[in-house]
């Protein structure tokens, strides 16, 4: 039986150079098969491979982003249909419990920052809350002071512009001849257009 090929045991190749050569050849073969599958069967194929060194190789019959978006959409649909599984419900329950606890804790902290529900706090907790509030107040005052300073500077610029405009208008008025020296044609005041 000379025509029969012997199967090679599939295991990790110990020699680094041989492993890299095998990876390169098999990767090309894998990508070729993926391309053939997409062409022959009109299939949308996306393939992502990371080498042992962390280098990324990918193939997409169309757009990798579209394939991944489609995969995500399909995965979400599958997850919804499998939501009744015990494991998924356990994960959802524990996540929901954790989120509820976080929300309750954040709500309590917010109420305490408003000065509510402080009776149960120890002296140390009250001091920490005081420091947090002082820090926050310091930030608010700093930003408020900067905004007020910006407004003052803006008003000062506007004042200087108005002073300059006022001076310019005074110069224009002073450069005009007095009204008693200006002769006004009588035709301007006449309502008769036949003049």
N, C-alpha and C. Protein backbone atom coordinates (compact mmCIF):
# COMPACT_ATOMS: atom_id res chain seq x y z
N UNK A 1 0.83 -1.19 0.00
CA UNK A 1 0.00 0.00 0.00
C UNK A 1 0.87 1.24 0.00
N UNK A 2 1.44 1.53 -1.10
CA UNK A 2 2.38 2.64 -1.22
C UNK A 2 1.67 3.97 -1.37
N UNK A 3 0.41 4.03 -1.80
CA UNK A 3 -0.29 5.29 -2.07
C UNK A 3 -0.90 5.94 -0.85
N UNK A 4 -0.90 5.30 0.29
CA UNK A 4 -1.56 5.83 1.47
C UNK A 4 -0.62 6.76 2.24
N UNK A 5 -1.16 7.95 2.62
CA UNK A 5 -0.37 8.91 3.42
C UNK A 5 -0.53 8.62 4.89
N UNK A 6 0.54 8.74 5.59
CA UNK A 6 0.51 8.51 7.03
C UNK A 6 0.15 9.81 7.72
N UNK A 7 -0.75 9.75 8.68
CA UNK A 7 -1.16 10.96 9.42
C UNK A 7 -0.08 11.37 10.40
N UNK A 8 0.15 12.69 10.50
CA UNK A 8 1.11 13.23 11.45
C UNK A 8 0.35 13.54 12.73
N UNK A 9 0.92 13.15 13.83
CA UNK A 9 0.30 13.46 15.13
C UNK A 9 0.29 14.97 15.32
N UNK A 10 -0.86 15.50 15.71
CA UNK A 10 -1.00 16.94 15.91
C UNK A 10 -0.59 17.26 17.34
N UNK A 11 0.53 17.91 17.47
CA UNK A 11 1.02 18.37 18.77
C UNK A 11 1.91 19.58 18.53
N UNK A 12 2.21 20.26 19.60
CA UNK A 12 3.04 21.47 19.51
C UNK A 12 4.42 21.13 18.99
N UNK A 13 4.91 21.96 18.04
CA UNK A 13 6.24 21.77 17.47
C UNK A 13 7.23 22.45 18.40
N UNK A 14 8.21 21.68 18.86
CA UNK A 14 9.17 22.20 19.84
C UNK A 14 10.19 23.15 19.23
N UNK A 15 10.63 22.89 18.02
CA UNK A 15 11.64 23.72 17.35
C UNK A 15 10.99 25.03 16.92
N UNK A 16 11.50 26.15 17.42
CA UNK A 16 10.91 27.46 17.14
C UNK A 16 10.90 27.80 15.66
N UNK A 17 12.02 27.57 14.96
CA UNK A 17 12.09 27.89 13.52
C UNK A 17 11.09 27.04 12.74
N UNK A 18 11.03 25.75 13.05
CA UNK A 18 10.09 24.87 12.36
C UNK A 18 8.65 25.28 12.67
N UNK A 19 8.40 25.69 13.93
CA UNK A 19 7.06 26.13 14.31
C UNK A 19 6.64 27.36 13.51
N UNK A 20 7.58 28.31 13.34
CA UNK A 20 7.26 29.54 12.60
C UNK A 20 7.02 29.24 11.12
N UNK A 21 7.82 28.35 10.54
CA UNK A 21 7.62 27.97 9.12
C UNK A 21 6.28 27.28 8.96
N UNK A 22 5.96 26.35 9.86
CA UNK A 22 4.67 25.64 9.80
C UNK A 22 3.51 26.61 9.96
N UNK A 23 3.66 27.55 10.90
CA UNK A 23 2.61 28.55 11.11
C UNK A 23 2.37 29.34 9.83
N UNK A 24 3.45 29.79 9.20
CA UNK A 24 3.34 30.60 7.99
C UNK A 24 2.65 29.82 6.87
N UNK A 25 3.09 28.56 6.65
CA UNK A 25 2.50 27.75 5.58
C UNK A 25 1.04 27.44 5.86
N UNK A 26 0.76 27.01 7.07
CA UNK A 26 -0.62 26.63 7.40
C UNK A 26 -1.54 27.85 7.43
N UNK A 27 -1.01 28.98 7.84
CA UNK A 27 -1.82 30.20 7.82
C UNK A 27 -2.22 30.54 6.39
N UNK A 28 -1.25 30.48 5.47
CA UNK A 28 -1.56 30.76 4.05
C UNK A 28 -2.59 29.77 3.54
N UNK A 29 -2.42 28.49 3.91
CA UNK A 29 -3.39 27.48 3.47
C UNK A 29 -4.76 27.73 4.05
N UNK A 30 -4.81 28.10 5.32
CA UNK A 30 -6.08 28.40 5.98
C UNK A 30 -6.77 29.58 5.31
N UNK A 31 -6.01 30.63 5.02
CA UNK A 31 -6.59 31.82 4.39
C UNK A 31 -7.06 31.49 2.97
N UNK A 32 -6.30 30.62 2.26
CA UNK A 32 -6.69 30.22 0.92
C UNK A 32 -8.02 29.47 0.98
N UNK A 33 -8.14 28.54 1.93
CA UNK A 33 -9.39 27.78 2.10
C UNK A 33 -10.55 28.71 2.44
N UNK A 34 -10.30 29.69 3.29
CA UNK A 34 -11.35 30.65 3.65
C UNK A 34 -11.80 31.43 2.42
N UNK A 35 -10.84 31.85 1.60
CA UNK A 35 -11.18 32.59 0.38
C UNK A 35 -11.97 31.70 -0.58
N UNK A 36 -11.55 30.44 -0.73
CA UNK A 36 -12.26 29.52 -1.62
C UNK A 36 -13.68 29.28 -1.12
N UNK A 37 -13.83 29.11 0.18
CA UNK A 37 -15.16 28.91 0.76
C UNK A 37 -16.07 30.10 0.47
N UNK A 38 -15.52 31.30 0.61
CA UNK A 38 -16.34 32.49 0.37
C UNK A 38 -16.73 32.60 -1.11
N UNK A 39 -15.82 32.23 -2.01
CA UNK A 39 -16.11 32.33 -3.45
C UNK A 39 -17.06 31.22 -3.88
N UNK A 40 -16.74 29.96 -3.54
CA UNK A 40 -17.52 28.81 -4.00
C UNK A 40 -18.93 28.81 -3.43
N UNK A 41 -19.08 29.18 -2.19
CA UNK A 41 -20.37 29.06 -1.50
C UNK A 41 -21.05 30.39 -1.26
N UNK A 42 -20.47 31.46 -1.78
CA UNK A 42 -21.01 32.80 -1.58
C UNK A 42 -21.24 33.07 -0.09
N UNK A 43 -20.24 32.64 0.70
CA UNK A 43 -20.34 32.78 2.15
C UNK A 43 -19.57 34.02 2.59
N UNK A 44 -20.04 34.63 3.67
CA UNK A 44 -19.33 35.75 4.26
C UNK A 44 -18.37 35.17 5.28
N UNK A 45 -17.06 35.32 5.02
CA UNK A 45 -16.05 34.67 5.86
C UNK A 45 -15.14 35.72 6.46
N UNK A 46 -14.91 35.60 7.76
CA UNK A 46 -13.95 36.45 8.47
C UNK A 46 -13.06 35.57 9.30
N UNK A 47 -11.76 35.80 9.20
CA UNK A 47 -10.81 34.95 9.88
C UNK A 47 -9.78 35.83 10.57
N UNK A 48 -9.56 35.60 11.88
CA UNK A 48 -8.60 36.37 12.66
C UNK A 48 -7.63 35.38 13.29
N UNK A 49 -6.33 35.62 13.11
CA UNK A 49 -5.30 34.74 13.66
C UNK A 49 -4.23 35.60 14.32
N UNK A 50 -3.85 35.21 15.54
CA UNK A 50 -2.72 35.84 16.22
C UNK A 50 -1.60 34.83 16.28
N UNK A 51 -0.42 35.23 15.88
CA UNK A 51 0.74 34.33 15.95
C UNK A 51 1.19 34.22 17.39
N UNK A 52 2.14 33.32 17.63
CA UNK A 52 2.68 33.13 18.99
C UNK A 52 3.37 34.41 19.47
N UNK A 53 3.83 35.24 18.54
CA UNK A 53 4.50 36.49 18.92
C UNK A 53 3.49 37.63 19.09
N UNK A 54 2.22 37.35 18.82
CA UNK A 54 1.18 38.37 19.01
C UNK A 54 0.86 39.15 17.75
N UNK A 55 1.43 38.77 16.62
CA UNK A 55 1.15 39.48 15.37
C UNK A 55 -0.22 39.07 14.85
N UNK A 56 -0.97 40.06 14.36
CA UNK A 56 -2.33 39.84 13.89
C UNK A 56 -2.33 39.57 12.39
N UNK A 57 -3.08 38.55 12.00
CA UNK A 57 -3.34 38.25 10.59
C UNK A 57 -4.84 38.10 10.45
N UNK A 58 -5.41 38.67 9.37
CA UNK A 58 -6.86 38.50 9.20
C UNK A 58 -7.23 38.43 7.74
N UNK A 59 -8.39 37.84 7.49
CA UNK A 59 -8.95 37.74 6.15
C UNK A 59 -10.43 38.01 6.27
N UNK A 60 -10.95 38.77 5.34
CA UNK A 60 -12.39 39.02 5.30
C UNK A 60 -12.84 38.99 3.86
N UNK A 61 -13.90 38.24 3.59
CA UNK A 61 -14.41 38.16 2.22
C UNK A 61 -15.05 39.48 1.81
N UNK A 62 -15.58 40.22 2.78
CA UNK A 62 -16.11 41.55 2.50
C UNK A 62 -15.41 42.51 3.45
N UNK A 63 -16.15 43.14 4.32
CA UNK A 63 -15.56 44.04 5.31
C UNK A 63 -15.51 43.33 6.66
N UNK A 64 -14.34 43.35 7.29
CA UNK A 64 -14.19 42.71 8.60
C UNK A 64 -15.14 43.35 9.61
N UNK A 65 -15.31 44.67 9.53
CA UNK A 65 -16.22 45.36 10.46
C UNK A 65 -17.65 44.87 10.28
N UNK A 66 -18.09 44.72 9.01
CA UNK A 66 -19.44 44.24 8.77
C UNK A 66 -19.62 42.82 9.29
N UNK A 67 -18.60 41.99 9.10
CA UNK A 67 -18.69 40.60 9.56
C UNK A 67 -18.76 40.56 11.09
N UNK A 68 -17.93 41.36 11.75
CA UNK A 68 -17.94 41.39 13.21
C UNK A 68 -19.25 41.95 13.73
N UNK A 69 -19.77 43.01 13.10
CA UNK A 69 -21.07 43.56 13.50
C UNK A 69 -22.17 42.52 13.34
N UNK A 70 -22.12 41.78 12.24
CA UNK A 70 -23.12 40.74 12.00
C UNK A 70 -22.98 39.64 13.05
N UNK A 71 -21.74 39.28 13.37
CA UNK A 71 -21.49 38.26 14.40
C UNK A 71 -22.03 38.73 15.75
N UNK A 72 -21.73 40.00 16.12
CA UNK A 72 -22.23 40.54 17.39
C UNK A 72 -23.74 40.50 17.43
N UNK A 73 -24.37 40.91 16.33
CA UNK A 73 -25.83 40.92 16.27
C UNK A 73 -26.38 39.50 16.43
N UNK A 74 -25.75 38.56 15.74
CA UNK A 74 -26.18 37.16 15.83
C UNK A 74 -25.96 36.62 17.24
N UNK A 75 -24.82 36.96 17.83
CA UNK A 75 -24.52 36.49 19.18
C UNK A 75 -25.53 37.03 20.18
N UNK A 76 -25.90 38.31 20.02
CA UNK A 76 -26.88 38.89 20.93
C UNK A 76 -28.22 38.20 20.79
N UNK A 77 -28.59 37.85 19.54
CA UNK A 77 -29.85 37.14 19.31
C UNK A 77 -29.80 35.76 19.98
N UNK A 78 -28.66 35.08 19.83
CA UNK A 78 -28.51 33.77 20.47
C UNK A 78 -28.56 33.89 21.99
N UNK A 79 -27.91 34.91 22.53
CA UNK A 79 -27.92 35.10 23.98
C UNK A 79 -29.33 35.32 24.50
N UNK A 80 -30.13 36.09 23.73
CA UNK A 80 -31.50 36.33 24.16
C UNK A 80 -32.31 35.03 24.17
N UNK A 81 -32.08 34.19 23.16
CA UNK A 81 -32.84 32.94 23.09
C UNK A 81 -32.37 31.95 24.15
N UNK A 82 -31.12 32.05 24.59
CA UNK A 82 -30.58 31.14 25.60
C UNK A 82 -30.62 31.75 27.00
N UNK A 83 -31.33 32.86 27.15
CA UNK A 83 -31.37 33.56 28.45
C UNK A 83 -31.98 32.69 29.54
N UNK A 84 -32.72 31.67 29.15
CA UNK A 84 -33.35 30.82 30.15
C UNK A 84 -32.39 29.82 30.75
N UNK A 85 -31.20 29.70 30.18
CA UNK A 85 -30.24 28.73 30.73
C UNK A 85 -29.86 29.14 32.14
N UNK A 86 -29.53 28.15 32.95
CA UNK A 86 -29.22 28.38 34.35
C UNK A 86 -28.01 29.27 34.53
N UNK A 87 -26.96 29.00 33.78
CA UNK A 87 -25.73 29.76 33.92
C UNK A 87 -25.96 31.22 33.58
N UNK A 88 -26.63 31.47 32.46
CA UNK A 88 -26.87 32.85 32.04
C UNK A 88 -27.74 33.59 33.05
N UNK A 89 -28.76 32.91 33.57
CA UNK A 89 -29.62 33.58 34.55
C UNK A 89 -28.85 33.86 35.83
N UNK A 90 -27.94 32.96 36.19
CA UNK A 90 -27.12 33.18 37.39
C UNK A 90 -26.22 34.41 37.20
N UNK A 91 -25.60 34.48 36.02
CA UNK A 91 -24.74 35.63 35.71
C UNK A 91 -25.56 36.92 35.72
N UNK A 92 -26.72 36.86 35.09
CA UNK A 92 -27.59 38.04 35.05
C UNK A 92 -28.04 38.44 36.45
N UNK A 93 -28.40 37.44 37.26
CA UNK A 93 -28.84 37.72 38.62
C UNK A 93 -27.72 38.37 39.44
N UNK A 94 -26.51 37.80 39.35
CA UNK A 94 -25.40 38.35 40.14
C UNK A 94 -25.03 39.75 39.64
N UNK A 95 -25.08 39.94 38.33
CA UNK A 95 -24.78 41.28 37.78
C UNK A 95 -25.85 42.27 38.22
N UNK A 96 -27.09 41.83 38.17
CA UNK A 96 -28.20 42.70 38.57
C UNK A 96 -28.10 43.06 40.05
N UNK A 97 -27.76 42.09 40.87
CA UNK A 97 -27.61 42.34 42.31
C UNK A 97 -26.47 43.33 42.54
N UNK A 98 -25.34 43.10 41.84
CA UNK A 98 -24.18 43.99 41.99
C UNK A 98 -24.53 45.42 41.54
N UNK A 99 -25.23 45.53 40.42
CA UNK A 99 -25.61 46.86 39.93
C UNK A 99 -26.59 47.55 40.88
N UNK A 100 -27.51 46.78 41.45
CA UNK A 100 -28.45 47.36 42.42
C UNK A 100 -27.71 47.87 43.66
N UNK A 101 -26.73 47.06 44.11
CA UNK A 101 -25.94 47.46 45.28
C UNK A 101 -25.15 48.74 44.98
N UNK A 102 -24.54 48.80 43.78
CA UNK A 102 -23.78 49.99 43.40
C UNK A 102 -24.69 51.21 43.32
N UNK A 103 -25.89 51.02 42.77
CA UNK A 103 -26.84 52.13 42.67
C UNK A 103 -27.28 52.59 44.05
N UNK A 104 -27.57 51.65 44.95
CA UNK A 104 -27.99 52.01 46.31
C UNK A 104 -26.87 52.76 47.02
N UNK A 105 -25.63 52.29 46.87
CA UNK A 105 -24.49 52.95 47.50
C UNK A 105 -24.27 54.36 46.94
N UNK A 106 -24.38 54.48 45.62
CA UNK A 106 -24.20 55.81 45.01
C UNK A 106 -25.32 56.75 45.43
N UNK A 107 -26.54 56.24 45.52
CA UNK A 107 -27.67 57.06 45.96
C UNK A 107 -27.48 57.53 47.40
N UNK A 108 -27.00 56.62 48.26
CA UNK A 108 -26.75 56.98 49.66
C UNK A 108 -25.68 58.06 49.75
N UNK A 109 -24.58 57.89 49.00
CA UNK A 109 -23.50 58.89 49.01
C UNK A 109 -24.01 60.25 48.54
N UNK A 110 -24.86 60.23 47.52
CA UNK A 110 -25.42 61.49 47.01
C UNK A 110 -26.29 62.15 48.08
N UNK A 111 -27.12 61.36 48.75
CA UNK A 111 -27.96 61.93 49.82
C UNK A 111 -27.09 62.48 50.95
N UNK A 112 -26.02 61.76 51.28
CA UNK A 112 -25.13 62.22 52.34
C UNK A 112 -24.42 63.51 51.92
N UNK A 113 -24.08 63.63 50.65
CA UNK A 113 -23.45 64.88 50.18
C UNK A 113 -24.43 66.04 50.24
N UNK A 114 -25.72 65.73 50.21
CA UNK A 114 -26.75 66.76 50.35
C UNK A 114 -27.05 67.06 51.81
N UNK A 115 -26.39 66.31 52.72
CA UNK A 115 -26.60 66.53 54.15
C UNK A 115 -27.69 65.67 54.74
N UNK A 116 -28.11 64.63 54.02
CA UNK A 116 -29.15 63.73 54.51
C UNK A 116 -28.51 62.43 54.99
N UNK A 117 -29.20 61.73 55.88
CA UNK A 117 -28.81 60.41 56.38
C UNK A 117 -27.36 60.37 56.89
N UNK A 118 -27.03 61.35 57.71
CA UNK A 118 -25.67 61.43 58.26
C UNK A 118 -25.56 60.80 59.64
N UNK A 119 -26.70 60.49 60.27
CA UNK A 119 -26.70 60.02 61.65
C UNK A 119 -25.93 58.72 61.83
N UNK A 120 -25.97 57.83 60.84
CA UNK A 120 -25.33 56.52 60.96
C UNK A 120 -23.83 56.55 60.69
N UNK A 121 -23.30 57.68 60.27
CA UNK A 121 -21.88 57.76 59.93
C UNK A 121 -21.02 57.94 61.18
N UNK A 122 -19.85 57.32 61.16
CA UNK A 122 -18.89 57.49 62.26
C UNK A 122 -18.18 58.83 62.07
N UNK A 123 -17.40 59.21 63.07
CA UNK A 123 -16.65 60.47 63.00
C UNK A 123 -15.68 60.42 61.82
N UNK A 124 -15.01 59.28 61.63
CA UNK A 124 -14.06 59.15 60.53
C UNK A 124 -14.77 59.27 59.18
N UNK A 125 -15.93 58.61 59.04
CA UNK A 125 -16.69 58.71 57.79
C UNK A 125 -17.15 60.14 57.55
N UNK A 126 -17.55 60.83 58.59
CA UNK A 126 -17.96 62.23 58.46
C UNK A 126 -16.77 63.09 58.03
N UNK A 127 -15.59 62.81 58.56
CA UNK A 127 -14.39 63.57 58.17
C UNK A 127 -14.05 63.31 56.71
N UNK A 128 -14.17 62.05 56.26
CA UNK A 128 -13.92 61.73 54.85
C UNK A 128 -14.92 62.44 53.95
N UNK A 129 -16.18 62.45 54.37
CA UNK A 129 -17.21 63.14 53.60
C UNK A 129 -16.92 64.63 53.55
N UNK A 130 -16.50 65.19 54.68
CA UNK A 130 -16.14 66.61 54.74
C UNK A 130 -15.00 66.92 53.77
N UNK A 131 -13.96 66.06 53.75
CA UNK A 131 -12.84 66.27 52.83
C UNK A 131 -13.30 66.21 51.38
N UNK A 132 -14.16 65.24 51.07
CA UNK A 132 -14.68 65.10 49.70
C UNK A 132 -15.45 66.35 49.31
N UNK A 133 -16.31 66.83 50.22
CA UNK A 133 -17.10 68.03 49.94
C UNK A 133 -16.21 69.26 49.79
N UNK A 134 -15.19 69.38 50.66
CA UNK A 134 -14.28 70.51 50.57
C UNK A 134 -13.51 70.48 49.26
N UNK A 135 -13.08 69.30 48.86
CA UNK A 135 -12.36 69.17 47.59
C UNK A 135 -13.27 69.56 46.43
N UNK A 136 -14.49 69.05 46.46
CA UNK A 136 -15.45 69.38 45.40
C UNK A 136 -15.77 70.86 45.40
N UNK A 137 -15.98 71.43 46.60
CA UNK A 137 -16.28 72.86 46.71
C UNK A 137 -15.10 73.69 46.21
N UNK A 138 -13.88 73.24 46.55
CA UNK A 138 -12.69 73.95 46.06
C UNK A 138 -12.64 73.97 44.54
N UNK A 139 -12.97 72.85 43.92
CA UNK A 139 -12.99 72.79 42.45
C UNK A 139 -14.06 73.71 41.89
N UNK A 140 -15.23 73.70 42.52
CA UNK A 140 -16.33 74.57 42.06
C UNK A 140 -15.92 76.03 42.19
N UNK A 141 -15.35 76.41 43.34
CA UNK A 141 -14.95 77.80 43.55
C UNK A 141 -13.86 78.22 42.58
N UNK A 142 -12.93 77.33 42.30
CA UNK A 142 -11.85 77.64 41.36
C UNK A 142 -12.42 77.93 39.96
N UNK A 143 -13.32 77.04 39.51
CA UNK A 143 -13.93 77.22 38.18
C UNK A 143 -14.79 78.47 38.17
N UNK A 144 -15.56 78.69 39.25
CA UNK A 144 -16.41 79.87 39.34
C UNK A 144 -15.56 81.14 39.30
N UNK A 145 -14.46 81.17 40.06
CA UNK A 145 -13.58 82.34 40.08
C UNK A 145 -13.01 82.62 38.70
N UNK A 146 -12.60 81.56 38.00
CA UNK A 146 -12.05 81.73 36.66
C UNK A 146 -13.10 82.30 35.71
N UNK A 147 -14.33 81.80 35.81
CA UNK A 147 -15.40 82.30 34.93
C UNK A 147 -15.72 83.76 35.24
N UNK A 148 -15.74 84.13 36.54
CA UNK A 148 -15.99 85.52 36.92
C UNK A 148 -14.86 86.40 36.39
N UNK A 149 -13.63 85.95 36.53
CA UNK A 149 -12.47 86.70 36.02
C UNK A 149 -12.56 86.87 34.51
N UNK A 150 -12.96 85.81 33.82
CA UNK A 150 -13.14 85.90 32.36
C UNK A 150 -14.21 86.92 32.01
N UNK A 151 -15.31 86.92 32.77
CA UNK A 151 -16.39 87.89 32.51
C UNK A 151 -15.90 89.32 32.76
N UNK A 152 -15.16 89.51 33.85
CA UNK A 152 -14.62 90.85 34.16
C UNK A 152 -13.70 91.31 33.04
N UNK A 153 -12.82 90.43 32.60
CA UNK A 153 -11.91 90.78 31.50
C UNK A 153 -12.68 91.11 30.23
N UNK A 154 -13.74 90.33 29.97
CA UNK A 154 -14.57 90.60 28.79
C UNK A 154 -15.25 91.95 28.89
N UNK A 155 -15.78 92.27 30.09
CA UNK A 155 -16.43 93.57 30.29
C UNK A 155 -15.42 94.72 30.19
N UNK A 156 -14.21 94.50 30.67
CA UNK A 156 -13.16 95.53 30.57
C UNK A 156 -12.81 95.79 29.11
N UNK A 157 -12.71 94.72 28.32
CA UNK A 157 -12.44 94.89 26.89
C UNK A 157 -13.57 95.66 26.22
N UNK A 158 -14.81 95.32 26.60
CA UNK A 158 -15.98 96.00 26.02
C UNK A 158 -15.97 97.48 26.42
N UNK A 159 -15.61 97.78 27.69
CA UNK A 159 -15.54 99.16 28.17
C UNK A 159 -14.51 99.93 27.35
N UNK A 160 -13.34 99.34 27.12
CA UNK A 160 -12.29 100.02 26.35
C UNK A 160 -12.75 100.26 24.90
N UNK A 161 -13.46 99.29 24.34
CA UNK A 161 -13.98 99.47 22.99
C UNK A 161 -14.98 100.63 22.94
N UNK A 162 -15.85 100.71 23.97
CA UNK A 162 -16.84 101.79 24.02
C UNK A 162 -16.17 103.15 24.20
N UNK A 163 -15.10 103.20 25.02
CA UNK A 163 -14.37 104.46 25.20
C UNK A 163 -13.75 104.90 23.87
N UNK A 164 -13.14 103.94 23.16
CA UNK A 164 -12.55 104.26 21.86
C UNK A 164 -13.61 104.71 20.87
N UNK A 165 -14.75 104.04 20.86
CA UNK A 165 -15.84 104.41 19.95
C UNK A 165 -16.38 105.79 20.31
N UNK A 166 -16.50 106.07 21.61
CA UNK A 166 -16.97 107.38 22.06
C UNK A 166 -16.00 108.48 21.61
N UNK A 167 -14.71 108.23 21.77
CA UNK A 167 -13.70 109.21 21.35
C UNK A 167 -13.77 109.45 19.85
N UNK A 168 -13.93 108.37 19.09
CA UNK A 168 -14.00 108.49 17.63
C UNK A 168 -15.23 109.31 17.23
N UNK A 169 -16.36 109.04 17.90
CA UNK A 169 -17.58 109.80 17.58
C UNK A 169 -17.43 111.28 17.97
N UNK A 170 -16.77 111.56 19.11
CA UNK A 170 -16.54 112.97 19.51
C UNK A 170 -15.69 113.68 18.47
N UNK A 171 -14.68 112.99 17.96
CA UNK A 171 -13.81 113.60 16.93
C UNK A 171 -14.61 113.89 15.68
N UNK A 172 -15.52 112.97 15.31
CA UNK A 172 -16.34 113.20 14.12
C UNK A 172 -17.26 114.40 14.32
N UNK A 173 -17.86 114.49 15.53
CA UNK A 173 -18.77 115.60 15.82
C UNK A 173 -17.98 116.92 15.82
N UNK A 174 -16.79 116.92 16.42
CA UNK A 174 -15.97 118.13 16.49
C UNK A 174 -15.46 118.55 15.11
N UNK A 175 -15.29 117.60 14.21
CA UNK A 175 -14.79 117.95 12.88
C UNK A 175 -15.90 118.47 11.97
N UNK A 176 -17.17 118.32 12.36
CA UNK A 176 -18.28 118.84 11.56
C UNK A 176 -18.43 120.35 11.81
N UNK A 177 -18.81 121.10 10.78
CA UNK A 177 -19.04 122.54 10.98
C UNK A 177 -20.29 122.76 11.84
N UNK A 178 -20.34 123.89 12.56
CA UNK A 178 -21.53 124.18 13.38
C UNK A 178 -22.77 124.26 12.50
N UNK A 179 -23.92 124.00 13.10
CA UNK A 179 -25.17 123.94 12.35
C UNK A 179 -25.54 125.29 11.72
N UNK A 180 -25.25 126.41 12.33
CA UNK A 180 -25.63 127.70 11.77
C UNK A 180 -24.80 128.04 10.52
N UNK A 181 -23.67 127.32 10.32
CA UNK A 181 -22.86 127.55 9.13
C UNK A 181 -23.26 126.65 7.97
N UNK A 182 -24.05 125.65 8.27
CA UNK A 182 -24.42 124.71 7.21
C UNK A 182 -25.65 125.24 6.50
N UNK A 183 -25.55 125.31 5.18
CA UNK A 183 -26.72 125.76 4.41
C UNK A 183 -27.46 124.53 3.92
N UNK A 184 -28.76 124.51 4.19
CA UNK A 184 -29.59 123.38 3.80
C UNK A 184 -30.43 123.83 2.62
N UNK A 185 -30.35 123.11 1.53
CA UNK A 185 -31.17 123.51 0.37
C UNK A 185 -32.65 123.43 0.73
N UNK A 186 -33.40 124.41 0.23
CA UNK A 186 -34.82 124.47 0.52
C UNK A 186 -35.61 123.37 -0.16
N UNK A 187 -35.10 122.87 -1.21
CA UNK A 187 -35.83 121.82 -1.93
C UNK A 187 -35.98 120.55 -1.10
N UNK A 188 -35.14 120.36 -0.13
CA UNK A 188 -35.25 119.16 0.71
C UNK A 188 -36.51 119.22 1.54
N UNK A 189 -36.88 120.42 2.00
CA UNK A 189 -38.05 120.56 2.87
C UNK A 189 -39.34 120.76 2.09
N UNK A 190 -39.24 120.98 0.82
CA UNK A 190 -40.43 121.26 0.01
C UNK A 190 -41.14 119.95 -0.31
N UNK A 191 -42.47 119.97 -0.17
CA UNK A 191 -43.25 118.78 -0.50
C UNK A 191 -43.62 118.79 -1.98
N UNK A 192 -43.39 119.90 -2.62
CA UNK A 192 -43.71 120.04 -4.04
C UNK A 192 -42.54 119.49 -4.86
N UNK A 193 -42.79 118.54 -5.69
CA UNK A 193 -41.73 117.91 -6.49
C UNK A 193 -41.50 118.64 -7.80
N UNK A 194 -42.24 119.70 -8.05
CA UNK A 194 -42.11 120.42 -9.32
C UNK A 194 -41.06 121.51 -9.25
N UNK A 195 -40.34 121.66 -8.19
CA UNK A 195 -39.37 122.74 -8.02
C UNK A 195 -38.22 122.61 -8.94
